[in-house]
Every structure is written in C-alpha cells, then in structure tokens.
Amino acid sequence: MNTIWMIHCACGAGLATSLIMQLNAEKALLKLNRNDIKVTHSAAESIREEGADIFVVGRDLAYRFKHFPRVIVINQIMSFDEIYEKLKIALSQTSDTFWIEDNL
C-alpha cells in the first residue's frame, strides 16, 4: 500500500459531524503513534478522489464514495473506539484498495 499522508473526514454540510470524526481520527492516530498523518474535514460534495489517501464517512454518505479506493464507513459518529479500530485496520492494509464498513 502507498504511504498514508492524509485522511479526510466528510459529512453532508462539512461542519459538526466531519469535525467530530476528524477530532476522533486525530486522537486515534496519536494512540497509534502515527503523528505523520494529517486529518482534514469538509462537506462530501467538495471531495475529490485524489484529495486524500483515506476517506472517513458516515453510513448515510457511504454510497457517494463507492468508487473511491480507500474508505472507512463510520456507523456511530461519536464513537472514538469505532474510528480507532477501523483506522488500525486500514493502516495495516497491504492493498491499495479497501472498504471498511462492518461493525466491530
């Protein structure tokens, strides 16, 4: 898998939900000792596939990202544990494409 430099969190408006996911992702990356990865957030409409290495989205917007190569779908936006576990899985992938969605 290519080196991961950027994770982008997206929600419908690019405000609260994506910011919560960004803050949880940053906290998870610290716990995973990955301070080399930047996390950003915005509205889903403004995202391009080449804009990040991994995209984190809520279940309600997952359909918009079906064609993206590396996606993590979050079921419970407020859950640090869910984003931590899914990022841990994503960062251990050896493939250049993955879709991580199931509840853990």
N, C-alpha and C. Protein backbone atom coordinates (compact mmCIF):
# COMPACT_ATOMS: atom_id res chain seq x y z
N MET A 1 0.84 -1.18 0.00
CA MET A 1 0.00 0.00 0.00
C MET A 1 0.88 1.24 0.00
N ASN A 2 0.41 2.25 -0.68
CA ASN A 2 1.13 3.52 -0.68
C ASN A 2 1.16 4.11 0.72
N THR A 3 2.12 4.96 0.97
CA THR A 3 2.21 5.63 2.25
C THR A 3 1.00 6.51 2.47
N ILE A 4 0.49 6.51 3.70
CA ILE A 4 -0.67 7.32 4.05
C ILE A 4 -0.18 8.64 4.64
N TRP A 5 -0.56 9.73 3.99
CA TRP A 5 -0.19 11.07 4.46
C TRP A 5 -1.39 11.89 4.89
N MET A 6 -2.57 11.58 4.29
CA MET A 6 -3.75 12.42 4.51
C MET A 6 -5.00 11.56 4.65
N ILE A 7 -5.77 11.87 5.69
CA ILE A 7 -7.08 11.27 5.89
C ILE A 7 -8.08 12.41 5.85
N HIS A 8 -9.17 12.20 5.13
CA HIS A 8 -10.19 13.24 5.03
C HIS A 8 -11.53 12.71 5.54
N CYS A 9 -12.15 13.45 6.45
CA CYS A 9 -13.45 13.10 7.02
C CYS A 9 -14.51 13.96 6.34
N ALA A 10 -15.62 13.35 5.97
CA ALA A 10 -16.65 14.08 5.24
C ALA A 10 -18.03 13.83 5.83
N CYS A 11 -18.84 14.89 5.76
CA CYS A 11 -20.26 14.79 6.14
C CYS A 11 -21.05 15.66 5.17
N GLY A 12 -22.33 15.73 5.36
CA GLY A 12 -23.19 16.47 4.44
C GLY A 12 -22.88 17.95 4.34
N ALA A 13 -22.72 18.62 5.46
CA ALA A 13 -22.51 20.07 5.45
C ALA A 13 -21.05 20.47 5.68
N GLY A 14 -20.22 19.53 6.13
CA GLY A 14 -18.82 19.84 6.39
C GLY A 14 -18.60 20.57 7.70
N LEU A 15 -19.54 20.42 8.62
CA LEU A 15 -19.45 21.13 9.89
C LEU A 15 -19.26 20.16 11.05
N ALA A 16 -20.27 19.94 11.82
CA ALA A 16 -20.16 19.21 13.08
C ALA A 16 -19.74 17.75 12.93
N THR A 17 -20.42 16.99 12.11
CA THR A 17 -20.15 15.56 12.02
C THR A 17 -18.74 15.29 11.52
N SER A 18 -18.33 15.95 10.47
CA SER A 18 -16.98 15.71 9.95
C SER A 18 -15.92 16.21 10.92
N LEU A 19 -16.21 17.27 11.64
CA LEU A 19 -15.25 17.77 12.64
C LEU A 19 -15.11 16.77 13.79
N ILE A 20 -16.20 16.20 14.24
CA ILE A 20 -16.14 15.18 15.30
C ILE A 20 -15.31 13.98 14.84
N MET A 21 -15.55 13.54 13.59
CA MET A 21 -14.77 12.42 13.06
C MET A 21 -13.29 12.80 12.95
N GLN A 22 -13.00 14.04 12.53
CA GLN A 22 -11.61 14.48 12.44
C GLN A 22 -10.94 14.45 13.81
N LEU A 23 -11.60 14.99 14.82
CA LEU A 23 -11.01 15.02 16.17
C LEU A 23 -10.79 13.60 16.70
N ASN A 24 -11.75 12.70 16.46
CA ASN A 24 -11.58 11.31 16.89
C ASN A 24 -10.46 10.62 16.10
N ALA A 25 -10.36 10.91 14.81
CA ALA A 25 -9.29 10.32 13.99
C ALA A 25 -7.92 10.81 14.46
N GLU A 26 -7.81 12.09 14.76
CA GLU A 26 -6.53 12.63 15.25
C GLU A 26 -6.14 11.98 16.57
N LYS A 27 -7.11 11.82 17.46
CA LYS A 27 -6.86 11.17 18.74
C LYS A 27 -6.45 9.71 18.53
N ALA A 28 -7.11 9.03 17.60
CA ALA A 28 -6.79 7.63 17.29
C ALA A 28 -5.38 7.52 16.72
N LEU A 29 -5.02 8.42 15.83
CA LEU A 29 -3.68 8.39 15.24
C LEU A 29 -2.60 8.61 16.29
N LEU A 30 -2.87 9.47 17.25
CA LEU A 30 -1.92 9.66 18.35
C LEU A 30 -1.74 8.37 19.13
N LYS A 31 -2.85 7.70 19.41
CA LYS A 31 -2.80 6.42 20.14
C LYS A 31 -2.07 5.36 19.32
N LEU A 32 -2.14 5.45 18.00
CA LEU A 32 -1.46 4.50 17.11
C LEU A 32 -0.03 4.94 16.78
N ASN A 33 0.43 6.01 17.42
CA ASN A 33 1.78 6.56 17.18
C ASN A 33 2.01 6.93 15.72
N ARG A 34 0.99 7.53 15.10
CA ARG A 34 1.09 7.94 13.69
C ARG A 34 0.89 9.45 13.59
N ASN A 35 1.85 10.20 14.10
CA ASN A 35 1.77 11.66 14.04
C ASN A 35 2.22 12.21 12.69
N ASP A 36 2.49 11.32 11.74
CA ASP A 36 2.90 11.72 10.39
C ASP A 36 1.72 11.89 9.44
N ILE A 37 0.51 11.62 9.91
CA ILE A 37 -0.68 11.68 9.06
C ILE A 37 -1.52 12.89 9.42
N LYS A 38 -1.88 13.67 8.42
CA LYS A 38 -2.73 14.84 8.62
C LYS A 38 -4.20 14.43 8.42
N VAL A 39 -5.09 15.03 9.20
CA VAL A 39 -6.52 14.76 9.07
C VAL A 39 -7.25 16.08 8.81
N THR A 40 -8.13 16.08 7.82
CA THR A 40 -8.92 17.26 7.49
C THR A 40 -10.40 16.87 7.43
N HIS A 41 -11.25 17.87 7.26
CA HIS A 41 -12.69 17.58 7.14
C HIS A 41 -13.36 18.62 6.24
N SER A 42 -14.48 18.20 5.64
CA SER A 42 -15.27 19.11 4.79
C SER A 42 -16.59 18.45 4.42
N ALA A 43 -17.37 19.16 3.63
CA ALA A 43 -18.60 18.61 3.08
C ALA A 43 -18.26 17.58 2.01
N ALA A 44 -19.08 16.56 1.91
CA ALA A 44 -18.85 15.48 0.94
C ALA A 44 -18.83 15.99 -0.49
N GLU A 45 -19.64 16.98 -0.79
CA GLU A 45 -19.73 17.49 -2.16
C GLU A 45 -18.42 18.05 -2.70
N SER A 46 -17.56 18.52 -1.81
CA SER A 46 -16.33 19.17 -2.26
C SER A 46 -15.14 18.21 -2.38
N ILE A 47 -15.36 16.93 -2.19
CA ILE A 47 -14.25 15.98 -2.14
C ILE A 47 -13.96 15.37 -3.51
N ARG A 48 -12.66 15.29 -3.79
CA ARG A 48 -12.17 14.60 -4.99
C ARG A 48 -11.38 13.38 -4.54
N GLU A 49 -11.40 12.37 -5.34
CA GLU A 49 -10.72 11.11 -5.01
C GLU A 49 -9.23 11.31 -4.71
N GLU A 50 -8.60 12.23 -5.41
CA GLU A 50 -7.17 12.45 -5.21
C GLU A 50 -6.89 13.40 -4.03
N GLY A 51 -7.93 13.80 -3.31
CA GLY A 51 -7.77 14.76 -2.21
C GLY A 51 -7.21 14.18 -0.92
N ALA A 52 -7.18 12.86 -0.78
CA ALA A 52 -6.66 12.23 0.43
C ALA A 52 -6.33 10.78 0.14
N ASP A 53 -5.63 10.17 1.08
CA ASP A 53 -5.27 8.75 0.95
C ASP A 53 -6.35 7.83 1.49
N ILE A 54 -7.07 8.29 2.53
CA ILE A 54 -8.18 7.54 3.12
C ILE A 54 -9.31 8.53 3.37
N PHE A 55 -10.54 8.08 3.11
CA PHE A 55 -11.72 8.90 3.37
C PHE A 55 -12.55 8.24 4.46
N VAL A 56 -12.97 9.04 5.43
CA VAL A 56 -13.80 8.57 6.54
C VAL A 56 -15.15 9.25 6.41
N VAL A 57 -16.20 8.45 6.30
CA VAL A 57 -17.55 9.00 6.10
C VAL A 57 -18.55 8.25 6.97
N GLY A 58 -19.66 8.92 7.26
CA GLY A 58 -20.75 8.28 7.97
C GLY A 58 -21.51 7.36 7.04
N ARG A 59 -22.23 6.41 7.62
CA ARG A 59 -23.01 5.45 6.84
C ARG A 59 -23.97 6.13 5.88
N ASP A 60 -24.52 7.28 6.28
CA ASP A 60 -25.51 7.97 5.44
C ASP A 60 -24.94 8.47 4.12
N LEU A 61 -23.62 8.65 4.04
CA LEU A 61 -22.99 9.15 2.82
C LEU A 61 -22.13 8.12 2.11
N ALA A 62 -22.09 6.92 2.61
CA ALA A 62 -21.20 5.89 2.04
C ALA A 62 -21.44 5.68 0.55
N TYR A 63 -22.67 5.74 0.11
CA TYR A 63 -22.99 5.50 -1.31
C TYR A 63 -22.24 6.47 -2.23
N ARG A 64 -21.95 7.67 -1.76
CA ARG A 64 -21.24 8.66 -2.58
C ARG A 64 -19.77 8.29 -2.80
N PHE A 65 -19.25 7.39 -2.00
CA PHE A 65 -17.83 7.08 -2.04
C PHE A 65 -17.53 5.67 -2.55
N LYS A 66 -18.53 5.01 -3.12
CA LYS A 66 -18.36 3.63 -3.60
C LYS A 66 -17.22 3.49 -4.60
N HIS A 67 -16.93 4.52 -5.37
CA HIS A 67 -15.88 4.43 -6.38
C HIS A 67 -14.50 4.88 -5.87
N PHE A 68 -14.43 5.34 -4.63
CA PHE A 68 -13.14 5.76 -4.06
C PHE A 68 -12.36 4.52 -3.63
N PRO A 69 -11.03 4.54 -3.71
CA PRO A 69 -10.25 3.33 -3.45
C PRO A 69 -10.09 2.94 -1.97
N ARG A 70 -10.10 3.91 -1.05
CA ARG A 70 -9.84 3.61 0.36
C ARG A 70 -10.83 4.37 1.23
N VAL A 71 -11.81 3.63 1.77
CA VAL A 71 -12.90 4.26 2.51
C VAL A 71 -13.15 3.52 3.82
N ILE A 72 -13.38 4.33 4.86
CA ILE A 72 -13.82 3.81 6.16
C ILE A 72 -15.21 4.39 6.40
N VAL A 73 -16.17 3.52 6.64
CA VAL A 73 -17.54 3.95 6.92
C VAL A 73 -17.78 3.84 8.42
N ILE A 74 -18.20 4.95 9.01
CA ILE A 74 -18.44 5.01 10.45
C ILE A 74 -19.93 4.87 10.73
N ASN A 75 -20.29 3.95 11.61
CA ASN A 75 -21.68 3.72 11.97
C ASN A 75 -22.13 4.64 13.10
N GLN A 76 -21.25 4.84 14.08
CA GLN A 76 -21.58 5.69 15.23
C GLN A 76 -20.56 6.82 15.27
N ILE A 77 -20.98 7.96 14.76
CA ILE A 77 -20.10 9.11 14.57
C ILE A 77 -19.36 9.52 15.85
N MET A 78 -20.02 9.42 16.98
CA MET A 78 -19.43 9.86 18.24
C MET A 78 -18.47 8.82 18.85
N SER A 79 -18.38 7.65 18.26
CA SER A 79 -17.60 6.57 18.85
C SER A 79 -16.11 6.66 18.51
N PHE A 80 -15.32 7.02 19.50
CA PHE A 80 -13.87 7.00 19.32
C PHE A 80 -13.39 5.57 19.07
N ASP A 81 -13.93 4.63 19.82
CA ASP A 81 -13.49 3.23 19.69
C ASP A 81 -13.67 2.70 18.27
N GLU A 82 -14.80 3.05 17.65
CA GLU A 82 -15.05 2.57 16.29
C GLU A 82 -14.04 3.14 15.31
N ILE A 83 -13.81 4.43 15.37
CA ILE A 83 -12.86 5.02 14.41
C ILE A 83 -11.44 4.54 14.70
N TYR A 84 -11.10 4.36 15.96
CA TYR A 84 -9.78 3.84 16.32
C TYR A 84 -9.57 2.44 15.72
N GLU A 85 -10.53 1.54 15.95
CA GLU A 85 -10.40 0.17 15.45
C GLU A 85 -10.35 0.12 13.93
N LYS A 86 -11.17 0.92 13.28
CA LYS A 86 -11.21 0.91 11.82
C LYS A 86 -9.96 1.55 11.22
N LEU A 87 -9.43 2.58 11.85
CA LEU A 87 -8.16 3.17 11.37
C LEU A 87 -7.02 2.19 11.56
N LYS A 88 -7.02 1.48 12.67
CA LYS A 88 -5.98 0.47 12.92
C LYS A 88 -6.00 -0.58 11.81
N ILE A 89 -7.19 -1.02 11.43
CA ILE A 89 -7.32 -2.00 10.34
C ILE A 89 -6.85 -1.38 9.02
N ALA A 90 -7.31 -0.18 8.73
CA ALA A 90 -6.96 0.49 7.47
C ALA A 90 -5.45 0.68 7.33
N LEU A 91 -4.81 1.09 8.41
CA LEU A 91 -3.37 1.36 8.34
C LEU A 91 -2.54 0.08 8.26
N SER A 92 -3.15 -1.06 8.52
CA SER A 92 -2.42 -2.32 8.40
C SER A 92 -2.64 -2.99 7.05
N GLN A 93 -3.48 -2.41 6.20
CA GLN A 93 -3.78 -2.99 4.90
C GLN A 93 -2.54 -2.99 3.99
N THR A 94 -2.41 -4.04 3.22
CA THR A 94 -1.32 -4.09 2.24
C THR A 94 -1.83 -3.81 0.83
N SER A 95 -3.13 -3.77 0.67
CA SER A 95 -3.75 -3.50 -0.62
C SER A 95 -3.93 -1.99 -0.81
N ASP A 96 -3.94 -1.55 -2.05
CA ASP A 96 -4.18 -0.14 -2.35
C ASP A 96 -5.67 0.21 -2.34
N THR A 97 -6.51 -0.78 -2.19
CA THR A 97 -7.95 -0.51 -2.12
C THR A 97 -8.55 -1.27 -0.95
N PHE A 98 -9.48 -0.63 -0.26
CA PHE A 98 -10.23 -1.30 0.80
C PHE A 98 -11.50 -0.51 1.09
N TRP A 99 -12.45 -1.21 1.67
CA TRP A 99 -13.73 -0.64 2.10
C TRP A 99 -14.00 -1.24 3.46
N ILE A 100 -13.90 -0.45 4.51
CA ILE A 100 -14.08 -0.94 5.88
C ILE A 100 -15.40 -0.39 6.39
N GLU A 101 -16.37 -1.28 6.60
CA GLU A 101 -17.72 -0.82 6.94
C GLU A 101 -18.35 -1.54 8.11
N ASP A 102 -18.11 -2.80 8.26
CA ASP A 102 -18.83 -3.59 9.26
C ASP A 102 -18.63 -3.07 10.67
N ASN A 103 -19.65 -3.30 11.50
CA ASN A 103 -19.50 -3.01 12.93
C ASN A 103 -18.45 -3.93 13.51
N LEU A 104 -17.68 -3.41 14.41
CA LEU A 104 -16.64 -4.23 15.05
C LEU A 104 -17.09 -4.70 16.40
